[in-house]
Every structure is written in structure tokens, then in C-alpha cells.
Amino acid sequence: MFDRDWEWSELTAFAADEGPEATMAVVSGRRRQGKSFLLDSLARAAGGFYFCAYEATEAESLRRFGEELGQYTGSIAPMRFDRWEQAIDALLALGKERPLPVVIDEFPYLARATPSLPSIVQVAYGPRRPERLQSRTRLLLCGSSLAFMGKLLSGTSPLRGRAGLELIVQPLDFRQAAAFWGIDDPRLALLVHSVVGGTPAYRKEFVRDDVPADLDDFDAWVCRTALSPRSPLYREARYLLADESDLRDRALYHSVLAALASGNATAGGIAGCLERPTSDITHPLTVLQDCGLVRREVDAFRKNRSVYRVGEPLIAFDHAISRPKLPLLDRGLADQVWESSRARFLSAVVGPHFEQICREWVAHFAAPETFGGMPIDVSYGTVPDPAAQTSHEIDVVVRGAVGQDNGVLLSLGEAKWDQVMGVGHLDRLRRVESLLAGRGTDTSAVRLTCYSGAGFTDDLRAAAAKGEVVLVDLQRLYRGE
């Protein structure tokens, strides 16, 4: 188990809770994050029961469930259940003597075959039902369909208010991912993260511990993994959509993602790219957000304006690099495709990803002293410049707390992945600061910040030494505060 200490502590605390009645938890997260490993390990460690469903009819699932439960209890013959009501009560009976974890993994498969299953669990966990009050079963429902699992406890869902724990197993953050891949060079680590993100399984199961030896090996690594038809990683981005049962017209969803990967970040821009009215892509964008494959970011200075970004690096890579050249890649021409696509990778994939990593660094790793306050909200922003008849995009806008004041504007930042930053970038930030001040925004606490993957000029370093600008390079992103 790698760096899942917090998730493990939450699960073990839930499973060992000495409370007098049965409780329930919901565990979710995209595939390949290690959910099943965590839950199977929990069941093994505590002597609990683990059942992993797969796509099947209700009758077949009940038969398998009975067989595995019979094996667990040491029954001479397989248990037989005609209805899920009987099966859930059998799970409650397991916890009569002590707190006992009981895991139903891939719960959405069962609910797809038996739509009433959430209601059946709700009834089984009725607050005054004897079977629940006389049991200390710790039931954990797990699933990889974020859209389904997210609705399981929300709104008018039957299970709303029934769960004592809701745990989302997230991908590893960029620092954890670098450590997991064993990459010390921060530039190489960020390039790899731009392709595979923080999904643990991609290193072990998908590329079989094939890690680029150094920066010189990165191009060859991409060709033999993400662009090779022989590698499972090659088709994984397409399968991520297939995991979501709520996606009906998958061609439309792929087109929306392709438009996003092409730089169309607004709903209107996506609709224009697809030659459809904006109303046609509102629902797909909402569903993709529910799936965790797209994230919506609100402009820090124009709350009525938002942009959409691909939330999974492998999908961004696939739609920007692989999908446009699939016929060539299927013929084994990865080297030629990569040679013609590398510049696009750096601009359309790594550049935006670097900006997001900078925002994540501020939110999770920057010390309060860096910006003179505790960062709370980190986003992007646009500031109009009427005199120049243009607008300025700010990659990293930081608001936070200074003393008792919340929402204070702490920093305006610009991020450049492959560009040595100089005083010209600082002057642009100064211009934006003056524009905001002219509009009545309090800029007294603002610290101007430059984030670069290529370094800084001597003049800019001199300005930083005078306290005029904060500089954040790759070393600081991966190892500093």
C-alpha cells in the first residue's frame, strides 16, 4: 500500500467502531485508484466478508453471492437467495457478535440489474428495524461510476442520510505520483504526470514498471507506452468513459472532450466547435463533471463566467495527441506521430497542466508565509483592459485569510511551462494589479508571482530579492513551500 494512510485510517476506524447497531459507508473513486485493494485488505485484516460484483443478471448475481457467502461462513452447501432482501439480512446477521466489515464492491453493477437495490438497503437499515439494531455489521458499498455513486447519497436518493462514512479515493497528487514512479527529476516527473496523472495502476499493471530513465528517454517512453497499440495504456482513455453507465451518446461525450482538448474552454466555444447549439452540450458537460472527467472553474473576477477543463490527464493526452492519429498509430507509426505531435503536446497538454499543478501547489503545499496569509480559494481570472482594448488572463489567483479577514486577494500569478520568465511578465502582472485597484479591488496584500518550468532571468531574480515578486520553479513545486 502506497501513501493511503488517511484512507486506511478512516476505513479501519469505521470497521472497528464499537457502536451498538449496523452502519453503512459509501466508497467511490475512478478505476485504478486502489479502492478494491484497500477494501479487500480491510476485509482480510478484520476477518470480514468481501464480495465483488460484475455485470450479470439479478439471478446470477444472487447465486454468486450465495456461493461466496456460503464459503465465507463455512456452510456445507451454497446459500440460496431468491431476493436481495434476504441477502442483505444475511449480511446483517454476520455482525451479531462483533463489529464486522462487509464489502460489496462494484455496487453499481448490482443496482443496474436490480434498480430497487438502493431502496432495499434503505429498508434493511431502517432506524427501528430489529435486524439492524441487533447487528454490528459495517457495510461498505463501493463503486467506480462516480456519476452513480455521487447520486447514491444525494437529493431524493433512498440512501440519503443512511451512510456514516463517505470516502472518495482520489488519484495521487503530483508529488505523491513522482514518488510512486520513483522519479527524482521534477521536470521529468511533470512530463510523465501530464500523460498518466496520479493513477497508481498505470505504473504497475499498464506499463509494467516501465519508467523513463531520464529526460532523454521520455520521448521513447511515450512511444512505447501511451502511443503503442500493444500497451494497455493506449486504449485506457476510451475505456474511462465506458465505465460510466449514465453516458448514453458516448460519441457526443468524446466530441466534447476533444473540443476541450483543442482549447475550447467555454460552453459557447465547445458548442461552436461541434456546430451545435449551446443547449445541446449543457447536459454532457454536467454529466462529465459528475464523472470527474471535466472540472468547471469560475472566473475569480467575473463570477458569471466559467471555463471547463479536462480533469484526467490521460484523456487530455488521448484527445490532443492519440485520437487525431489513430489510423497511423494502429499501424505502429508511433515515432512518426510523436515527432509531428510533440510541439502540440507541450502547448496543448503540458502548458495547461502546468498551470493546474501551480494552482494545486498553492492550495496544498504553499506555506502561509509565501503569500502573507492562508490560501483558501485558488482559481484563474480575466481582467479587462479597456485602454489597450484587450483582457489579461491570470493563471493563478489566490484569495485567503489574513488575520480575521477572509477573501483577501493574496496573489496574482502567471505560469509558463517552457519559457524563461523575465521582467516583462512582472510588468504585465503590475498592470493587472493597477487595473484591479482602479476598479475598487483591495490590492494592498497582493504578492505578484511567477511560476516557470524553464527558469527566470537575472533581472527577475533581482526583483524577487527586493521582495517585488515571488518566484516558483519546478524544484519549489515539488520540494518547497
Protein backbone atom coordinates (compact mmCIF):
# COMPACT_ATOMS: atom_id res chain seq x y z
CA MET A 1 0.00 0.00 0.00
CA PHE A 2 1.45 3.35 -1.04
CA ASP A 3 0.52 6.63 0.64
CA ARG A 4 -3.07 5.76 1.50
CA ASP A 5 -2.61 6.22 5.25
CA TRP A 6 -5.50 8.64 5.66
CA GLU A 7 -7.94 6.46 3.68
CA TRP A 8 -6.83 3.37 5.60
CA SER A 9 -7.26 5.08 8.97
CA GLU A 10 -10.79 6.21 8.04
CA LEU A 11 -11.76 2.72 6.87
CA THR A 12 -10.31 0.91 9.88
CA ALA A 13 -11.96 3.36 12.27
CA PHE A 14 -15.33 2.75 10.59
CA ALA A 15 -14.88 -1.04 10.55
CA ALA A 16 -13.83 -1.23 14.20
CA ASP A 17 -16.48 1.16 15.54
CA GLU A 18 -17.95 -0.40 18.68
CA GLY A 19 -21.33 1.27 18.18
CA PRO A 20 -24.35 -0.89 19.02
CA GLU A 21 -26.06 -1.04 15.61
CA ALA A 22 -25.27 -1.73 11.96
CA THR A 23 -23.76 1.13 9.97
CA MET A 24 -23.07 1.78 6.31
CA ALA A 25 -20.33 3.54 4.29
CA VAL A 26 -20.03 4.55 0.64
CA VAL A 27 -16.60 4.37 -1.03
CA SER A 28 -16.08 5.70 -4.54
CA GLY A 29 -13.39 6.81 -6.95
CA ARG A 30 -12.39 6.22 -10.54
CA ARG A 31 -10.97 2.87 -11.57
CA ARG A 32 -7.31 2.03 -10.98
CA GLN A 33 -7.01 4.14 -7.79
CA GLY A 34 -6.72 1.18 -5.40
CA LYS A 35 -10.24 1.08 -3.89
CA SER A 36 -10.63 -2.68 -4.24
CA PHE A 37 -7.15 -3.28 -2.83
CA LEU A 38 -7.96 -1.14 0.21
CA LEU A 39 -11.32 -2.78 0.85
CA ASP A 40 -10.11 -6.33 0.27
CA SER A 41 -7.21 -5.64 2.64
CA LEU A 42 -9.65 -4.28 5.21
CA ALA A 43 -11.85 -7.37 5.00
CA ARG A 44 -8.85 -9.69 5.26
CA ALA A 45 -7.34 -7.81 8.21
CA ALA A 46 -10.60 -7.81 10.19
CA GLY A 47 -11.88 -11.24 9.11
CA GLY A 48 -14.74 -9.65 7.19
CA PHE A 49 -16.60 -10.59 4.01
CA TYR A 50 -15.72 -9.18 0.58
CA PHE A 51 -17.92 -9.62 -2.49
CA CYS A 52 -17.03 -8.10 -5.87
CA ALA A 53 -19.89 -7.92 -8.36
CA TYR A 54 -19.66 -7.94 -12.12
CA GLU A 55 -22.14 -7.28 -14.91
CA ALA A 56 -24.73 -10.05 -14.67
CA THR A 57 -28.44 -10.67 -14.25
CA GLU A 58 -30.02 -10.43 -10.81
CA ALA A 59 -30.39 -14.21 -10.60
CA GLU A 60 -26.74 -14.87 -11.44
CA SER A 61 -25.50 -12.21 -9.01
CA LEU A 62 -27.62 -13.68 -6.20
CA ARG A 63 -26.31 -17.16 -6.99
CA ARG A 64 -22.68 -15.99 -6.89
CA PHE A 65 -23.35 -14.00 -3.74
CA GLY A 66 -24.82 -17.05 -2.04
CA GLU A 67 -21.90 -19.25 -3.08
CA GLU A 68 -19.26 -16.83 -1.79
CA LEU A 69 -21.14 -16.12 1.45
CA GLY A 70 -21.50 -19.88 2.00
CA GLN A 71 -17.75 -20.33 1.55
CA TYR A 72 -17.09 -17.48 3.98
CA THR A 73 -19.36 -18.89 6.71
CA GLY A 74 -18.19 -22.48 6.20
CA SER A 75 -21.61 -23.65 5.12
CA ILE A 76 -21.77 -27.22 3.77
CA ALA A 77 -23.83 -26.09 0.78
CA PRO A 78 -24.06 -22.75 -1.03
CA MET A 79 -26.59 -20.35 0.41
CA ARG A 80 -29.58 -19.64 -1.79
CA PHE A 81 -31.32 -16.28 -2.01
CA ASP A 82 -34.34 -15.50 -4.17
CA ARG A 83 -34.34 -11.80 -3.37
CA TRP A 84 -31.81 -9.17 -2.31
CA GLU A 85 -33.88 -8.51 0.83
CA GLN A 86 -32.81 -11.95 2.08
CA ALA A 87 -29.18 -11.40 1.07
CA ILE A 88 -28.88 -8.04 2.88
CA ASP A 89 -30.42 -9.54 6.03
CA ALA A 90 -27.85 -12.36 5.83
CA LEU A 91 -25.11 -9.70 5.83
CA LEU A 92 -26.65 -8.03 8.87
CA ALA A 93 -26.66 -11.39 10.64
CA LEU A 94 -22.88 -11.66 10.21
CA GLY A 95 -22.32 -8.83 12.68
CA LYS A 96 -24.28 -10.13 15.65
CA GLU A 97 -21.21 -10.95 17.74
CA ARG A 98 -18.80 -8.10 16.91
CA PRO A 99 -18.15 -5.20 14.52
CA LEU A 100 -17.51 -6.81 11.15
CA PRO A 101 -16.69 -5.14 7.80
CA VAL A 102 -18.78 -6.40 4.89
CA VAL A 103 -17.85 -5.10 1.44
CA ILE A 104 -19.97 -5.06 -1.72
CA ASP A 105 -17.62 -3.89 -4.45
CA GLU A 106 -18.84 -2.63 -7.85
CA PHE A 107 -22.26 -1.96 -6.33
CA PRO A 108 -23.45 -0.09 -9.50
CA TYR A 109 -23.40 -3.39 -11.44
CA LEU A 110 -25.88 -4.90 -8.99
CA ALA A 111 -28.06 -1.78 -8.97
CA ARG A 112 -28.14 -1.73 -12.75
CA ALA A 113 -29.62 -5.25 -12.80
CA THR A 114 -31.82 -4.53 -9.76
CA PRO A 115 -32.77 -0.81 -9.80
CA SER A 116 -34.61 -1.17 -6.49
CA LEU A 117 -31.47 -2.33 -4.64
CA PRO A 118 -30.70 1.07 -3.01
CA SER A 119 -34.26 1.11 -1.67
CA ILE A 120 -33.84 -2.45 -0.41
CA VAL A 121 -30.74 -1.42 1.52
CA GLN A 122 -32.61 1.62 2.83
CA VAL A 123 -35.39 -0.55 4.21
CA ALA A 124 -32.89 -3.03 5.69
CA TYR A 125 -31.22 -0.12 7.52
CA GLY A 126 -34.46 1.31 8.85
CA PRO A 127 -33.77 3.15 12.14
CA ARG A 128 -36.02 0.90 14.27
CA ARG A 129 -35.63 -2.36 12.41
CA PRO A 130 -34.56 -5.19 14.79
CA GLU A 131 -32.22 -6.78 12.24
CA ARG A 132 -30.23 -3.55 12.16
CA LEU A 133 -30.38 -2.78 15.88
CA GLN A 134 -29.12 -6.29 16.76
CA SER A 135 -26.23 -6.19 14.28
CA ARG A 136 -22.84 -4.51 14.18
CA THR A 137 -22.23 -5.18 10.50
CA ARG A 138 -20.19 -2.40 8.91
CA LEU A 139 -21.48 -2.46 5.32
CA LEU A 140 -19.29 -0.75 2.72
CA LEU A 141 -20.77 -0.10 -0.73
CA CYS A 142 -18.12 0.64 -3.34
CA GLY A 143 -18.23 1.66 -6.99
CA SER A 144 -16.18 3.20 -9.79
CA SER A 145 -19.02 5.02 -11.53
CA LEU A 146 -18.67 8.46 -9.97
CA ALA A 147 -21.92 9.67 -11.52
CA PHE A 148 -23.86 6.79 -9.93
CA MET A 149 -22.05 6.80 -6.57
CA GLY A 150 -22.31 10.57 -6.29
CA LYS A 151 -26.11 10.35 -6.55
CA LEU A 152 -26.36 7.46 -4.10
CA LEU A 153 -26.45 9.74 -1.06
CA SER A 154 -27.78 12.95 -2.61
CA GLY A 155 -31.12 14.58 -3.24
CA THR A 156 -34.04 12.18 -3.11
CA SER A 157 -31.89 9.02 -3.16
CA PRO A 158 -33.25 6.29 -0.84
CA LEU A 159 -29.88 6.06 0.96
CA ARG A 160 -29.58 9.76 1.71
CA GLY A 161 -28.79 10.13 5.40
CA ARG A 162 -28.04 6.44 5.90
CA ALA A 163 -24.22 6.46 5.50
CA GLY A 164 -21.88 7.07 8.40
CA LEU A 165 -18.87 7.47 6.10
CA GLU A 166 -18.49 8.75 2.56
CA LEU A 167 -14.97 8.24 1.23
CA ILE A 168 -13.68 9.21 -2.22
CA VAL A 169 -10.36 7.61 -3.14
CA GLN A 170 -8.61 10.28 -5.18
CA PRO A 171 -5.68 9.91 -7.59
CA LEU A 172 -2.25 10.60 -6.12
CA ASP A 173 -1.29 14.27 -6.18
CA PHE A 174 1.64 15.32 -8.36
CA ARG A 175 4.20 14.97 -5.55
CA GLN A 176 2.91 11.56 -4.49
CA ALA A 177 2.87 10.44 -8.13
CA ALA A 178 6.53 11.41 -8.60
CA ALA A 179 7.48 9.38 -5.53
CA PHE A 180 5.35 6.43 -6.65
CA TRP A 181 7.01 6.39 -10.08
CA GLY A 182 10.42 6.81 -8.46
CA ILE A 183 11.23 9.96 -10.47
CA ASP A 184 13.57 12.49 -8.82
CA ASP A 185 13.87 14.95 -11.71
CA PRO A 186 10.91 17.37 -11.29
CA ARG A 187 10.81 18.26 -14.99
CA LEU A 188 10.56 14.60 -15.98
CA ALA A 189 8.04 13.99 -13.20
CA LEU A 190 5.76 16.72 -14.50
CA LEU A 191 6.02 15.48 -18.09
CA VAL A 192 5.06 11.96 -17.01
CA HIS A 193 2.24 13.33 -14.86
CA SER A 194 0.94 15.24 -17.90
CA VAL A 195 0.41 11.85 -19.58
CA VAL A 196 -0.71 9.47 -16.83
CA GLY A 197 -1.72 11.73 -13.95
CA GLY A 198 -1.82 10.21 -10.47
CA THR A 199 -3.48 6.85 -11.16
CA PRO A 200 -1.37 4.19 -9.37
CA ALA A 201 -2.33 1.23 -11.57
CA TYR A 202 -0.87 2.82 -14.69
CA ARG A 203 2.67 2.15 -13.48
CA LYS A 204 2.27 -1.41 -12.27
CA GLU A 205 -0.42 -3.06 -14.40
CA PHE A 206 -0.38 -0.92 -17.53
CA VAL A 207 3.28 -0.23 -18.30
CA ARG A 208 4.79 -3.00 -16.12
CA ASP A 209 7.13 -0.68 -14.23
CA ASP A 210 8.46 0.86 -17.44
CA VAL A 211 9.63 4.23 -16.08
CA PRO A 212 11.55 6.70 -18.30
CA ALA A 213 15.21 6.56 -17.28
CA ASP A 214 15.74 10.31 -17.76
CA LEU A 215 14.56 13.27 -19.82
CA ASP A 216 16.29 11.88 -22.91
CA ASP A 217 14.23 8.68 -22.59
CA PHE A 218 10.85 10.46 -22.22
CA ASP A 219 10.05 10.60 -25.95
CA ALA A 220 10.82 6.92 -26.42
CA TRP A 221 8.79 6.09 -23.29
CA VAL A 222 5.71 7.84 -24.69
CA CYS A 223 6.06 5.91 -27.95
CA ARG A 224 6.38 2.52 -26.27
CA THR A 225 3.53 3.09 -23.78
CA ALA A 226 0.80 5.69 -24.43
CA LEU A 227 1.19 5.55 -28.24
CA SER A 228 1.78 1.83 -28.65
CA PRO A 229 -1.20 -0.38 -29.64
CA ARG A 230 0.48 -3.19 -27.67
CA SER A 231 0.23 -1.24 -24.42
CA PRO A 232 -2.98 -1.31 -22.29
CA LEU A 233 -2.41 2.41 -21.72
CA TYR A 234 -3.12 3.05 -25.41
CA ARG A 235 -6.88 2.39 -25.09
CA GLU A 236 -7.41 3.25 -21.44
CA ALA A 237 -8.69 6.79 -22.04
CA ARG A 238 -11.53 5.43 -24.16
CA TYR A 239 -12.43 2.85 -21.51
CA LEU A 240 -12.73 5.52 -18.81
CA LEU A 241 -15.90 6.75 -20.48
CA ALA A 242 -17.20 3.20 -20.85
CA ASP A 243 -17.09 2.82 -17.04
CA GLU A 244 -19.85 5.40 -16.67
CA SER A 245 -23.26 3.81 -17.17
CA ASP A 246 -25.01 7.21 -17.35
CA LEU A 247 -23.33 8.11 -20.63
CA ARG A 248 -25.74 7.29 -23.45
CA ASP A 249 -24.33 9.02 -26.55
CA ARG A 250 -20.63 8.34 -25.99
CA ALA A 251 -19.71 9.82 -29.37
CA LEU A 252 -21.04 13.18 -28.20
CA TYR A 253 -19.10 12.97 -24.94
CA HIS A 254 -15.89 12.15 -26.80
CA SER A 255 -16.52 15.12 -29.09
CA VAL A 256 -16.98 17.43 -26.09
CA LEU A 257 -13.69 16.20 -24.64
CA ALA A 258 -11.96 16.64 -28.00
CA ALA A 259 -13.23 20.23 -28.19
CA LEU A 260 -11.90 20.89 -24.70
CA ALA A 261 -8.53 19.37 -25.58
CA SER A 262 -8.41 21.67 -28.62
CA GLY A 263 -8.55 24.73 -26.39
CA ASN A 264 -12.29 25.46 -26.42
CA ALA A 265 -12.82 26.13 -22.74
CA THR A 266 -16.24 27.84 -22.63
CA ALA A 267 -19.65 26.28 -23.23
CA GLY A 268 -20.11 28.54 -26.25
CA GLY A 269 -16.70 27.65 -27.65
CA ILE A 270 -17.39 23.92 -27.28
CA ALA A 271 -20.80 24.28 -28.93
CA GLY A 272 -19.28 26.26 -31.79
CA CYS A 273 -16.58 23.65 -32.32
CA LEU A 274 -19.23 20.92 -32.51
CA GLU A 275 -21.56 23.10 -34.61
CA ARG A 276 -24.38 22.59 -32.14
CA PRO A 277 -26.47 24.98 -30.03
CA THR A 278 -25.12 25.57 -26.54
CA SER A 279 -28.19 23.89 -25.04
CA ASP A 280 -27.10 20.59 -26.61
CA ILE A 281 -23.83 20.42 -24.68
CA THR A 282 -25.07 21.64 -21.27
CA HIS A 283 -26.14 18.17 -20.16
CA PRO A 284 -22.98 16.37 -21.41
CA LEU A 285 -20.82 18.89 -19.55
CA THR A 286 -22.80 18.34 -16.35
CA VAL A 287 -22.52 14.55 -16.63
CA LEU A 288 -18.78 14.73 -17.38
CA GLN A 289 -18.36 16.86 -14.27
CA ASP A 290 -20.26 14.30 -12.21
CA CYS A 291 -17.92 11.63 -13.57
CA GLY A 292 -14.86 13.62 -12.53
CA LEU A 293 -13.61 13.77 -16.13
CA VAL A 294 -14.24 17.52 -16.54
CA ARG A 295 -13.93 20.29 -13.98
CA ARG A 296 -15.62 23.68 -14.05
CA GLU A 297 -13.69 26.72 -12.88
CA VAL A 298 -15.32 30.05 -12.10
CA ASP A 299 -13.53 33.25 -13.06
CA ALA A 300 -12.14 34.91 -9.93
CA PHE A 301 -13.17 38.37 -11.13
CA ARG A 302 -16.26 37.62 -13.24
CA LYS A 303 -18.46 35.20 -11.31
CA ASN A 304 -20.89 34.85 -14.21
CA ARG A 305 -18.11 33.44 -16.41
CA SER A 306 -16.61 29.98 -16.14
CA VAL A 307 -14.40 27.67 -18.14
CA TYR A 308 -14.24 23.91 -18.44
CA ARG A 309 -11.08 21.82 -18.40
CA VAL A 310 -10.38 18.12 -18.86
CA GLY A 311 -9.91 16.67 -15.38
CA GLU A 312 -7.99 13.49 -16.29
CA PRO A 313 -4.52 13.95 -17.85
CA LEU A 314 -4.67 10.71 -19.84
CA ILE A 315 -7.90 11.84 -21.53
CA ALA A 316 -6.39 15.22 -22.38
CA PHE A 317 -3.37 13.45 -23.88
CA ASP A 318 -5.52 10.99 -25.80
CA HIS A 319 -7.78 13.61 -27.38
CA ALA A 320 -4.98 16.03 -28.18
CA ILE A 321 -2.39 13.54 -29.45
CA SER A 322 -3.65 9.98 -29.98
CA ARG A 323 -7.21 10.20 -31.34
CA PRO A 324 -6.40 12.51 -34.28
CA LYS A 325 -3.78 9.99 -35.47
CA LEU A 326 -5.33 6.62 -34.58
CA PRO A 327 -5.02 5.11 -38.09
CA LEU A 328 -1.27 5.81 -38.09
CA LEU A 329 -0.81 4.60 -34.51
CA ASP A 330 -2.69 1.38 -35.23
CA ARG A 331 -0.14 0.74 -37.99
CA GLY A 332 2.71 1.04 -35.49
CA LEU A 333 3.90 4.51 -36.57
CA ALA A 334 4.23 5.93 -33.06
CA ASP A 335 7.64 7.52 -33.68
CA GLN A 336 6.39 9.48 -36.70
CA VAL A 337 3.20 10.56 -34.92
CA TRP A 338 5.12 11.73 -31.85
CA GLU A 339 7.65 13.67 -33.91
CA SER A 340 4.84 15.66 -35.54
CA SER A 341 2.80 15.97 -32.33
CA ARG A 342 5.42 16.80 -29.71
CA ALA A 343 5.06 20.58 -30.10
CA ARG A 344 1.29 20.24 -29.68
CA PHE A 345 1.84 18.10 -26.60
CA LEU A 346 3.91 20.82 -24.97
CA SER A 347 1.48 23.63 -25.81
CA ALA A 348 -1.94 21.97 -25.59
CA VAL A 349 -1.28 19.36 -22.88
CA VAL A 350 1.73 20.25 -20.72
CA GLY A 351 1.15 24.02 -20.68
CA PRO A 352 -2.40 23.89 -19.28
CA HIS A 353 -1.44 21.00 -16.99
CA PHE A 354 1.45 23.02 -15.56
CA GLU A 355 -0.95 25.87 -14.76
CA GLN A 356 -3.19 23.43 -12.90
CA ILE A 357 -0.24 21.97 -10.99
CA CYS A 358 0.71 25.50 -9.91
CA ARG A 359 -2.81 26.06 -8.57
CA GLU A 360 -2.68 22.73 -6.74
CA TRP A 361 0.70 23.66 -5.22
CA VAL A 362 -0.74 26.88 -3.83
CA ALA A 363 -3.81 25.10 -2.44
CA HIS A 364 -2.00 22.17 -0.82
CA PHE A 365 1.70 22.91 -0.34
CA ALA A 366 2.43 26.65 -0.19
CA ALA A 367 3.19 27.94 3.29
CA PRO A 368 1.10 30.85 4.62
CA GLU A 369 4.26 32.96 4.70
CA THR A 370 4.63 32.63 0.92
CA PHE A 371 1.61 34.85 0.25
CA GLY A 372 1.26 36.56 3.62
CA GLY A 373 -1.88 34.63 4.50
CA MET A 374 -3.56 31.23 4.37
CA PRO A 375 -4.60 30.38 0.78
CA ILE A 376 -8.26 29.33 0.69
CA ASP A 377 -9.54 29.79 -2.84
CA VAL A 378 -7.26 29.26 -5.85
CA SER A 379 -8.54 29.82 -9.37
CA TYR A 380 -7.90 31.63 -12.63
CA GLY A 381 -9.20 35.05 -13.66
CA THR A 382 -9.59 37.51 -16.51
CA VAL A 383 -9.26 41.27 -16.17
CA PRO A 384 -10.41 43.61 -18.98
CA ASP A 385 -8.05 46.37 -20.09
CA PRO A 386 -10.23 48.91 -21.94
CA ALA A 387 -7.34 51.26 -22.75
CA ALA A 388 -5.48 48.50 -24.58
CA GLN A 389 -8.71 47.00 -25.95
CA THR A 390 -7.79 43.58 -24.60
CA SER A 391 -8.12 41.45 -21.49
CA HIS A 392 -5.50 39.78 -19.33
CA GLU A 393 -5.72 36.14 -18.24
CA ILE A 394 -4.30 35.43 -14.81
CA ASP A 395 -3.31 31.79 -14.40
CA VAL A 396 -3.22 31.68 -10.59
CA VAL A 397 -5.46 33.93 -8.49
CA VAL A 398 -5.15 33.37 -4.75
CA ARG A 399 -7.62 34.55 -2.13
CA GLY A 400 -7.28 33.69 1.52
CA ALA A 401 -7.30 34.70 5.14
CA VAL A 402 -5.16 37.38 6.78
CA GLY A 403 -5.88 37.58 10.49
CA GLN A 404 -9.65 37.78 10.89
CA ASP A 405 -10.23 38.84 7.29
CA ASN A 406 -11.34 36.22 4.75
CA GLY A 407 -11.46 36.54 0.98
CA VAL A 408 -8.42 38.82 0.84
CA LEU A 409 -6.73 38.94 -2.59
CA LEU A 410 -3.30 37.49 -1.81
CA SER A 411 -1.65 36.88 -5.16
CA LEU A 412 -1.81 37.30 -8.92
CA GLY A 413 0.33 34.77 -10.77
CA GLU A 414 1.43 33.89 -14.27
CA ALA A 415 2.61 30.37 -15.22
CA LYS A 416 4.84 29.50 -18.17
CA TRP A 417 5.95 25.91 -18.70
CA ASP A 418 8.59 26.23 -21.40
CA GLN A 419 9.51 29.90 -21.23
CA VAL A 420 12.21 31.67 -19.20
CA MET A 421 10.29 34.40 -17.41
CA GLY A 422 11.60 37.97 -17.17
CA VAL A 423 10.68 41.47 -16.05
CA GLY A 424 8.16 41.74 -18.90
CA HIS A 425 5.97 39.15 -17.19
CA LEU A 426 6.24 41.07 -13.91
CA ASP A 427 5.24 44.31 -15.66
CA ARG A 428 2.12 42.62 -17.03
CA LEU A 429 1.15 41.49 -13.53
CA ARG A 430 1.73 45.02 -12.27
CA ARG A 431 -0.57 46.32 -14.98
CA VAL A 432 -3.30 43.88 -13.91
CA GLU A 433 -2.84 44.89 -10.28
CA SER A 434 -3.32 48.56 -11.19
CA LEU A 435 -6.42 47.74 -13.27
CA LEU A 436 -7.97 45.90 -10.34
CA ALA A 437 -7.13 48.73 -7.96
CA GLY A 438 -8.76 51.14 -10.39
CA ARG A 439 -11.94 49.06 -10.22
CA GLY A 440 -12.03 49.32 -6.44
CA THR A 441 -10.44 45.96 -5.58
CA ASP A 442 -8.28 46.00 -2.46
CA THR A 443 -4.80 45.04 -3.71
CA SER A 444 -2.85 46.08 -0.61
CA ALA A 445 -1.98 42.46 0.29
CA VAL A 446 -1.25 41.25 -3.27
CA ARG A 447 2.01 39.46 -3.97
CA LEU A 448 2.84 39.10 -7.64
CA THR A 449 4.06 35.61 -8.52
CA CYS A 450 5.81 34.00 -11.50
CA TYR A 451 5.70 30.22 -11.96
CA SER A 452 8.10 28.77 -14.52
CA GLY A 453 9.19 25.36 -15.70
CA ALA A 454 12.17 26.87 -17.56
CA GLY A 455 13.60 29.35 -15.07
CA PHE A 456 13.91 33.11 -14.62
CA THR A 457 16.16 35.90 -15.92
CA ASP A 458 18.70 37.57 -13.64
CA ASP A 459 16.64 40.78 -13.67
CA LEU A 460 13.58 38.94 -12.38
CA ARG A 461 15.62 37.19 -9.70
CA ALA A 462 16.93 40.58 -8.62
CA ALA A 463 13.34 41.84 -8.35
CA ALA A 464 12.49 38.81 -6.23
CA ALA A 465 15.43 39.58 -3.93
CA LYS A 466 13.87 43.03 -3.36
CA GLY A 467 10.52 41.45 -2.48
CA GLU A 468 8.82 42.66 -5.65
CA VAL A 469 7.82 39.22 -6.90
CA VAL A 470 7.57 35.61 -5.66
CA LEU A 471 9.31 33.05 -7.88
CA VAL A 472 8.21 29.41 -8.03
CA ASP A 473 10.26 26.97 -10.11
CA LEU A 474 9.99 23.20 -10.51
CA GLN A 475 12.19 22.49 -7.50
CA ARG A 476 9.92 24.59 -5.31
CA LEU A 477 6.80 23.00 -6.77
CA TYR A 478 7.99 19.51 -5.91
CA ARG A 479 10.01 20.12 -2.76
CA GLY A 480 9.38 23.58 -1.34
CA GLU A 481 6.73 25.74 0.26
